[in-house]
């Protein structure tokens, strides 16, 4: 494994770790409040490793709903990962089967976005870089889950001190990194409107997948400027 590539990945994932850490702690606190032990909460973070669906699952566990509803709800939140894995497959063909398994296991929203940007600008997506990016997010997430379970009520509502805006801002920055892509504005607009409408009329967490599917359908229908698609954006080159 190339040490320099690994450390580049670590540096790239560090801002994600900082913004995600409070939510790891929040999950730990919520999980313990809903009857899990600290060990169980940490194990869930280690095996599921998907903040939004972990919180959805824990809240549903607390309401003692039917297992099939919990499974469908978690699937709705994580459905986008099927699309993510398909999108990055072209950049990781050179990975070994074990490396591919680990790659998809730790796949997250920012990991997907950075992998696509790296690959589309002609830079090789190495397993060392990918692992470095993932490690700096994965292990602190486990530590913060345990700390959240221990501190519990001391964390309180992250909205009170503004922590809830960190991840949305980071995700918005990721989306804007693709703004020079063909048909960016109409696809994002349709996806956003569909997601808001789905939230109002269908409910959470289904609005996540519905918004994504709406954007994908429009992207498939719209014509593509091949020259614009082939040209890397200034932000990606930087």
Foldseek 3Di string as FASTA:
>chain_A
DDPVLLVLLLVVQQLVQVLCLLLLLVLLLLQVVLPDALVVSLVCCQQVVARVLSVLLSVCVSVVDDPVVNVVQSCLQCVCLVVLLVLLCVQCVVPDPVLSVVLSRQDDDVLSLLSNLCVLLPHRDDSSSSVSSRVSRRPSSSVSSSVSNVVRPVSPDCVVVPSVVSVVVVSVVSLVQCVLAPPSVVLLVQLVVQLVVCCVPVNPDNSNNRSVVRSVVVVVVDDGDVVSNNDRDPSSND
